PDB file of N, CA and C in Angstrom:
ATOM      1  N   MET A   1     -31.412  33.013  49.014  1.00  0.00           N
ATOM      2  CA  MET A   1     -31.801  31.994  49.971  1.00  0.00           C
ATOM      3  C   MET A   1     -31.643  32.519  51.398  1.00  0.00           C
ATOM      4  N   LYS A   2     -30.537  33.230  51.653  1.00  0.00           N
ATOM      5  CA  LYS A   2     -30.312  33.776  52.986  1.00  0.00           C
ATOM      6  C   LYS A   2     -31.399  34.779  53.334  1.00  0.00           C
ATOM      7  N   GLN A   3     -31.828  35.549  52.345  1.00  0.00           N
ATOM      8  CA  GLN A   3     -32.880  36.538  52.585  1.00  0.00           C
ATOM      9  C   GLN A   3     -34.173  35.838  53.018  1.00  0.00           C
ATOM     10  N   LEU A   4     -34.509  34.742  52.369  1.00  0.00           N
ATOM     11  CA  LEU A   4     -35.700  33.973  52.732  1.00  0.00           C
ATOM     12  C   LEU A   4     -35.594  33.475  54.176  1.00  0.00           C
ATOM     13  N   CYS A   5     -34.433  33.008  54.540  1.00  0.00           N
ATOM     14  CA  CYS A   5     -34.210  32.515  55.901  1.00  0.00           C
ATOM     15  C   CYS A   5     -34.356  33.652  56.914  1.00  0.00           C
ATOM     16  N   ASP A   6     -33.785  34.814  56.603  1.00  0.00           N
ATOM     17  CA  ASP A   6     -33.884  35.968  57.502  1.00  0.00           C
ATOM     18  C   ASP A   6     -35.324  36.421  57.680  1.00  0.00           C
ATOM     19  N   ILE A   7     -36.090  36.458  56.596  1.00  0.00           N
ATOM     20  CA  ILE A   7     -37.493  36.863  56.662  1.00  0.00           C
ATOM     21  C   ILE A   7     -38.281  35.868  57.502  1.00  0.00           C
ATOM     22  N   THR A   8     -38.032  34.592  57.298  1.00  0.00           N
ATOM     23  CA  THR A   8     -38.730  33.555  58.063  1.00  0.00           C
ATOM     24  C   THR A   8     -38.445  33.705  59.551  1.00  0.00           C
ATOM     25  N   LYS A   9     -37.192  33.969  59.911  1.00  0.00           N
ATOM     26  CA  LYS A   9     -36.835  34.157  61.314  1.00  0.00           C
ATOM     27  C   LYS A   9     -37.572  35.349  61.913  1.00  0.00           C
ATOM     28  N   LYS A  10     -37.695  36.447  61.131  1.00  0.00           N
ATOM     29  CA  LYS A  10     -38.388  37.637  61.629  1.00  0.00           C
ATOM     30  C   LYS A  10     -39.868  37.357  61.848  1.00  0.00           C
ATOM     31  N   VAL A  11     -40.484  36.622  60.931  1.00  0.00           N
ATOM     32  CA  VAL A  11     -41.916  36.335  61.030  1.00  0.00           C
ATOM     33  C   VAL A  11     -42.198  35.395  62.199  1.00  0.00           C
ATOM     34  N   ILE A  12     -41.416  34.346  62.306  1.00  0.00           N
ATOM     35  CA  ILE A  12     -41.645  33.335  63.336  1.00  0.00           C
ATOM     36  C   ILE A  12     -41.166  33.823  64.695  1.00  0.00           C
ATOM     37  N   GLY A  13     -40.113  34.576  64.697  1.00  0.00           N
ATOM     38  CA  GLY A  13     -39.523  34.994  65.962  1.00  0.00           C
ATOM     39  C   GLY A  13     -38.487  33.983  66.401  1.00  0.00           C
ATOM     40  N   LYS A  14     -37.802  34.325  67.450  1.00  0.00           N
ATOM     41  CA  LYS A  14     -36.761  33.424  67.934  1.00  0.00           C
ATOM     42  C   LYS A  14     -37.420  32.255  68.656  1.00  0.00           C
ATOM     43  N   CYS A  15     -37.140  31.082  68.191  1.00  0.00           N
ATOM     44  CA  CYS A  15     -37.679  29.903  68.858  1.00  0.00           C
ATOM     45  C   CYS A  15     -36.507  29.002  69.232  1.00  0.00           C
ATOM     46  N   SER A  16     -36.599  28.450  70.373  1.00  0.00           N
ATOM     47  CA  SER A  16     -35.553  27.530  70.803  1.00  0.00           C
ATOM     48  C   SER A  16     -36.214  26.289  71.370  1.00  0.00           C
ATOM     49  N   LYS A  17     -35.525  25.205  71.241  1.00  0.00           N
ATOM     50  CA  LYS A  17     -36.046  23.945  71.761  1.00  0.00           C
ATOM     51  C   LYS A  17     -35.919  23.957  73.281  1.00  0.00           C
ATOM     52  N   PRO A  18     -36.937  23.517  73.968  1.00  0.00           N
ATOM     53  CA  PRO A  18     -36.806  23.451  75.425  1.00  0.00           C
ATOM     54  C   PRO A  18     -35.759  22.407  75.795  1.00  0.00           C
ATOM     55  N   GLU A  19     -35.007  22.708  76.817  1.00  0.00           N
ATOM     56  CA  GLU A  19     -33.970  21.767  77.234  1.00  0.00           C
ATOM     57  C   GLU A  19     -34.599  20.544  77.878  1.00  0.00           C
ATOM     58  N   LEU A  20     -34.155  19.404  77.442  1.00  0.00           N
ATOM     59  CA  LEU A  20     -34.624  18.158  78.033  1.00  0.00           C
ATOM     60  C   LEU A  20     -33.853  17.910  79.323  1.00  0.00           C
ATOM     61  N   PRO A  21     -34.495  17.337  80.295  1.00  0.00           N
ATOM     62  CA  PRO A  21     -33.780  17.084  81.550  1.00  0.00           C
ATOM     63  C   PRO A  21     -32.695  16.024  81.361  1.00  0.00           C
ATOM     64  N   VAL A  22     -31.561  16.272  81.974  1.00  0.00           N
ATOM     65  CA  VAL A  22     -30.455  15.321  81.949  1.00  0.00           C
ATOM     66  C   VAL A  22     -30.421  14.655  83.309  1.00  0.00           C
ATOM     67  N   LYS A  23     -30.284  13.327  83.296  1.00  0.00           N
ATOM     68  CA  LYS A  23     -30.282  12.586  84.558  1.00  0.00           C
ATOM     69  C   LYS A  23     -28.933  11.908  84.762  1.00  0.00           C
ATOM     70  N   ASN A  24     -28.547  11.776  86.019  1.00  0.00           N
ATOM     71  CA  ASN A  24     -27.309  11.085  86.337  1.00  0.00           C
ATOM     72  C   ASN A  24     -27.564   9.578  86.410  1.00  0.00           C
ATOM     73  N   LYS A  25     -26.571   8.813  86.826  1.00  0.00           N
ATOM     74  CA  LYS A  25     -26.707   7.351  86.855  1.00  0.00           C
ATOM     75  C   LYS A  25     -27.766   6.874  87.839  1.00  0.00           C
ATOM     76  N   GLU A  26     -28.058   7.696  88.842  1.00  0.00           N
ATOM     77  CA  GLU A  26     -29.087   7.341  89.821  1.00  0.00           C
ATOM     78  C   GLU A  26     -30.462   7.845  89.388  1.00  0.00           C
ATOM     79  N   SER A  27     -30.580   8.318  88.156  1.00  0.00           N
ATOM     80  CA  SER A  27     -31.819   8.848  87.570  1.00  0.00           C
ATOM     81  C   SER A  27     -32.327  10.107  88.265  1.00  0.00           C
ATOM     82  N   LYS A  28     -31.431  10.833  88.904  1.00  0.00           N
ATOM     83  CA  LYS A  28     -31.804  12.111  89.507  1.00  0.00           C
ATOM     84  C   LYS A  28     -31.509  13.215  88.489  1.00  0.00           C
ATOM     85  N   PRO A  29     -32.426  14.171  88.322  1.00  0.00           N
ATOM     86  CA  PRO A  29     -32.203  15.228  87.330  1.00  0.00           C
ATOM     87  C   PRO A  29     -31.048  16.150  87.724  1.00  0.00           C
ATOM     88  N   ILE A  30     -30.277  16.538  86.723  1.00  0.00           N
ATOM     89  CA  ILE A  30     -29.174  17.472  86.917  1.00  0.00           C
ATOM     90  C   ILE A  30     -29.638  18.813  86.368  1.00  0.00           C
ATOM     91  N   THR A  31     -29.642  19.825  87.213  1.00  0.00           N
ATOM     92  CA  THR A  31     -30.186  21.113  86.800  1.00  0.00           C
ATOM     93  C   THR A  31     -29.114  22.153  86.515  1.00  0.00           C
ATOM     94  N   GLU A  32     -28.003  22.104  87.200  1.00  0.00           N
ATOM     95  CA  GLU A  32     -26.959  23.111  87.016  1.00  0.00           C
ATOM     96  C   GLU A  32     -26.140  22.813  85.767  1.00  0.00           C
ATOM     97  N   ILE A  33     -25.801  23.861  85.027  1.00  0.00           N
ATOM     98  CA  ILE A  33     -25.049  23.703  83.778  1.00  0.00           C
ATOM     99  C   ILE A  33     -23.685  23.084  84.056  1.00  0.00           C
ATOM    100  N   GLU A  34     -23.015  23.520  85.110  1.00  0.00           N
ATOM    101  CA  GLU A  34     -21.692  22.974  85.423  1.00  0.00           C
ATOM    102  C   GLU A  34     -21.781  21.494  85.774  1.00  0.00           C
ATOM    103  N   GLU A  35     -22.829  21.106  86.480  1.00  0.00           N
ATOM    104  CA  GLU A  35     -23.023  19.687  86.802  1.00  0.00           C
ATOM    105  C   GLU A  35     -23.214  18.877  85.528  1.00  0.00           C
ATOM    106  N   ARG A  36     -24.003  19.422  84.596  1.00  0.00           N
ATOM    107  CA  ARG A  36     -24.223  18.727  83.319  1.00  0.00           C
ATOM    108  C   ARG A  36     -22.909  18.558  82.574  1.00  0.00           C
ATOM    109  N   TRP A  37     -22.129  19.632  82.526  1.00  0.00           N
ATOM    110  CA  TRP A  37     -20.850  19.586  81.820  1.00  0.00           C
ATOM    111  C   TRP A  37     -19.948  18.517  82.439  1.00  0.00           C
ATOM    112  N   ASN A  38     -19.847  18.519  83.773  1.00  0.00           N
ATOM    113  CA  ASN A  38     -19.003  17.536  84.462  1.00  0.00           C
ATOM    114  C   ASN A  38     -19.487  16.111  84.215  1.00  0.00           C
ATOM    115  N   MET A  39     -20.810  15.931  84.152  1.00  0.00           N
ATOM    116  CA  MET A  39     -21.361  14.604  83.898  1.00  0.00           C
ATOM    117  C   MET A  39     -20.963  14.127  82.499  1.00  0.00           C
ATOM    118  N   TRP A  40     -21.043  15.022  81.495  1.00  0.00           N
ATOM    119  CA  TRP A  40     -20.678  14.625  80.133  1.00  0.00           C
ATOM    120  C   TRP A  40     -19.177  14.352  80.017  1.00  0.00           C
ATOM    121  N   VAL A  41     -18.366  15.130  80.714  1.00  0.00           N
ATOM    122  CA  VAL A  41     -16.919  14.897  80.704  1.00  0.00           C
ATOM    123  C   VAL A  41     -16.616  13.519  81.289  1.00  0.00           C
ATOM    124  N   LYS A  42     -17.225  13.211  82.425  1.00  0.00           N
ATOM    125  CA  LYS A  42     -17.002  11.911  83.074  1.00  0.00           C
ATOM    126  C   LYS A  42     -17.489  10.771  82.181  1.00  0.00           C
ATOM    127  N   HIS A  43     -18.652  10.956  81.564  1.00  0.00           N
ATOM    128  CA  HIS A  43     -19.212   9.934  80.673  1.00  0.00           C
ATOM    129  C   HIS A  43     -18.273   9.674  79.495  1.00  0.00           C
ATOM    130  N   THR A  44     -17.754  10.743  78.896  1.00  0.00           N
ATOM    131  CA  THR A  44     -16.847  10.600  77.758  1.00  0.00           C
ATOM    132  C   THR A  44     -15.557   9.904  78.177  1.00  0.00           C
ATOM    133  N   GLU A  45     -15.027  10.267  79.335  1.00  0.00           N
ATOM    134  CA  GLU A  45     -13.810   9.611  79.824  1.00  0.00           C
ATOM    135  C   GLU A  45     -14.040   8.119  80.038  1.00  0.00           C
ATOM    136  N   GLU A  46     -15.195   7.757  80.578  1.00  0.00           N
ATOM    137  CA  GLU A  46     -15.508   6.342  80.792  1.00  0.00           C
ATOM    138  C   GLU A  46     -15.579   5.594  79.465  1.00  0.00           C
ATOM    139  N   LEU A  47     -16.184   6.222  78.462  1.00  0.00           N
ATOM    140  CA  LEU A  47     -16.271   5.574  77.150  1.00  0.00           C
ATOM    141  C   LEU A  47     -14.889   5.374  76.547  1.00  0.00           C
ATOM    142  N   LEU A  48     -14.060   6.406  76.606  1.00  0.00           N
ATOM    143  CA  LEU A  48     -12.726   6.314  76.012  1.00  0.00           C
ATOM    144  C   LEU A  48     -11.847   5.327  76.768  1.00  0.00           C
ATOM    145  N   ASN A  49     -11.927   5.303  78.072  1.00  0.00           N
ATOM    146  CA  ASN A  49     -11.128   4.365  78.862  1.00  0.00           C
ATOM    147  C   ASN A  49     -11.597   2.934  78.661  1.00  0.00           C
ATOM    148  N   GLY A  50     -12.865   2.728  78.428  1.00  0.00           N
ATOM    149  CA  GLY A  50     -13.392   1.387  78.206  1.00  0.00           C
ATOM    150  C   GLY A  50     -12.865   0.782  76.925  1.00  0.00           C
ATOM    151  N   GLN A  51     -12.671   1.596  75.906  1.00  0.00           N
ATOM    152  CA  GLN A  51     -12.167   1.092  74.638  1.00  0.00           C
ATOM    153  C   GLN A  51     -10.661   0.891  74.674  1.00  0.00           C
ATOM    154  N   ALA A  52      -9.981   1.497  75.614  1.00  0.00           N
ATOM    155  CA  ALA A  52      -8.531   1.387  75.686  1.00  0.00           C
ATOM    156  C   ALA A  52      -8.087   0.114  76.395  1.00  0.00           C
ATOM    157  N   THR A  53      -9.025  -0.755  76.778  1.00  0.00           N
ATOM    158  CA  THR A  53      -8.651  -1.959  77.508  1.00  0.00           C
ATOM    159  C   THR A  53      -8.116  -3.062  76.601  1.00  0.00           C
ATOM    160  N   LEU A  54      -8.259  -2.930  75.300  1.00  0.00           N
ATOM    161  CA  LEU A  54      -7.714  -3.943  74.398  1.00  0.00           C
ATOM    162  C   LEU A  54      -6.196  -3.906  74.456  1.00  0.00           C
ATOM    163  N   ASN A  55      -5.597  -5.063  74.602  1.00  0.00           N
ATOM    164  CA  ASN A  55      -4.150  -5.157  74.645  1.00  0.00           C
ATOM    165  C   ASN A  55      -3.664  -5.524  73.248  1.00  0.00           C
ATOM    166  N   PRO A  56      -2.931  -4.642  72.580  1.00  0.00           N
ATOM    167  CA  PRO A  56      -2.477  -4.933  71.216  1.00  0.00           C
ATOM    168  C   PRO A  56      -1.595  -6.176  71.128  1.00  0.00           C
ATOM    169  N   LEU A  57      -0.966  -6.578  72.229  1.00  0.00           N
ATOM    170  CA  LEU A  57      -0.111  -7.760  72.199  1.00  0.00           C
ATOM    171  C   LEU A  57      -0.930  -9.041  72.097  1.00  0.00           C
ATOM    172  N   ASP A  58      -2.205  -8.990  72.467  1.00  0.00           N
ATOM    173  CA  ASP A  58      -3.068 -10.166  72.402  1.00  0.00           C
ATOM    174  C   ASP A  58      -3.681 -10.372  71.016  1.00  0.00           C
ATOM    175  N   ILE A  59      -3.481  -9.432  70.127  1.00  0.00           N
ATOM    176  CA  ILE A  59      -4.091  -9.507  68.802  1.00  0.00           C
ATOM    177  C   ILE A  59      -3.067 -10.053  67.821  1.00  0.00           C
ATOM    178  N   GLU A  60      -3.423 -11.163  67.186  1.00  0.00           N
ATOM    179  CA  GLU A  60      -2.512 -11.771  66.219  1.00  0.00           C
ATOM    180  C   GLU A  60      -2.849 -11.284  64.815  1.00  0.00           C
ATOM    181  N   ALA A  61      -1.834 -11.126  64.010  1.00  0.00           N
ATOM    182  CA  ALA A  61      -2.045 -10.725  62.627  1.00  0.00           C
ATOM    183  C   ALA A  61      -2.530 -11.927  61.832  1.00  0.00           C
ATOM    184  N   ALA A  62      -3.474 -11.704  60.954  1.00  0.00           N
ATOM    185  CA  ALA A  62      -4.002 -12.776  60.113  1.00  0.00           C
ATOM    186  C   ALA A  62      -3.030 -13.033  58.969  1.00  0.00           C
ATOM    187  N   HIS A  63      -2.814 -14.315  58.668  1.00  0.00           N
ATOM    188  CA  HIS A  63      -1.944 -14.674  57.544  1.00  0.00           C
ATOM    189  C   HIS A  63      -2.757 -14.607  56.257  1.00  0.00           C
ATOM    190  N   ILE A  64      -2.247 -13.874  55.314  1.00  0.00           N
ATOM    191  CA  ILE A  64      -2.934 -13.735  54.027  1.00  0.00           C
ATOM    192  C   ILE A  64      -1.996 -14.249  52.946  1.00  0.00           C
ATOM    193  N   ASP A  65      -2.468 -15.234  52.204  1.00  0.00           N
ATOM    194  CA  ASP A  65      -1.683 -15.808  51.117  1.00  0.00           C
ATOM    195  C   ASP A  65      -2.140 -15.161  49.813  1.00  0.00           C
ATOM    196  N   HIS A  66      -1.308 -14.304  49.264  1.00  0.00           N
ATOM    197  CA  HIS A  66      -1.662 -13.603  48.031  1.00  0.00           C
ATOM    198  C   HIS A  66      -1.172 -14.404  46.827  1.00  0.00           C
ATOM    199  N   HIS A  67      -2.076 -14.676  45.921  1.00  0.00           N
ATOM    200  CA  HIS A  67      -1.710 -15.330  44.672  1.00  0.00           C
ATOM    201  C   HIS A  67      -1.750 -14.275  43.581  1.00  0.00           C
ATOM    202  N   LEU A  68      -0.607 -14.012  42.996  1.00  0.00           N
ATOM    203  CA  LEU A  68      -0.532 -12.992  41.957  1.00  0.00           C
ATOM    204  C   LEU A  68      -0.226 -13.654  40.623  1.00  0.00           C
ATOM    205  N   ASP A  69      -1.045 -13.353  39.646  1.00  0.00           N
ATOM    206  CA  ASP A  69      -0.784 -13.818  38.288  1.00  0.00           C
ATOM    207  C   ASP A  69      -0.181 -12.652  37.519  1.00  0.00           C
ATOM    208  N   VAL A  70       1.062 -12.830  37.098  1.00  0.00           N
ATOM    209  CA  VAL A  70       1.739 -11.763  36.371  1.00  0.00           C
ATOM    210  C   VAL A  70       1.776 -12.155  34.906  1.00  0.00           C
ATOM    211  N   VAL A  71       1.189 -11.306  34.088  1.00  0.00           N
ATOM    212  CA  VAL A  71       1.173 -11.550  32.649  1.00  0.00           C
ATOM    213  C   VAL A  71       2.031 -10.479  32.000  1.00  0.00           C
ATOM    214  N   ALA A  72       3.024 -10.926  31.217  1.00  0.00           N
ATOM    215  CA  ALA A  72       3.915  -9.959  30.584  1.00  0.00           C
ATOM    216  C   ALA A  72       3.633  -9.848  29.116  1.00  0.00           C
TER     217      ALA A  72
END
């Protein structure tokens, strides 16, 4: 199988997907790789911080009444 893949790569040649433009919040394109990286880092931090706003003290545990039938 690997041989088939290698032959296909040789016949087709190296192909890569063109990079799609990345835009910031103001819809301006980001062209520099470092800018893109910083944008993704900031975006990820915002997502993680947004989910951390839940206060565990405000969440009540649900009462579950278990009925067990024990047959001996």
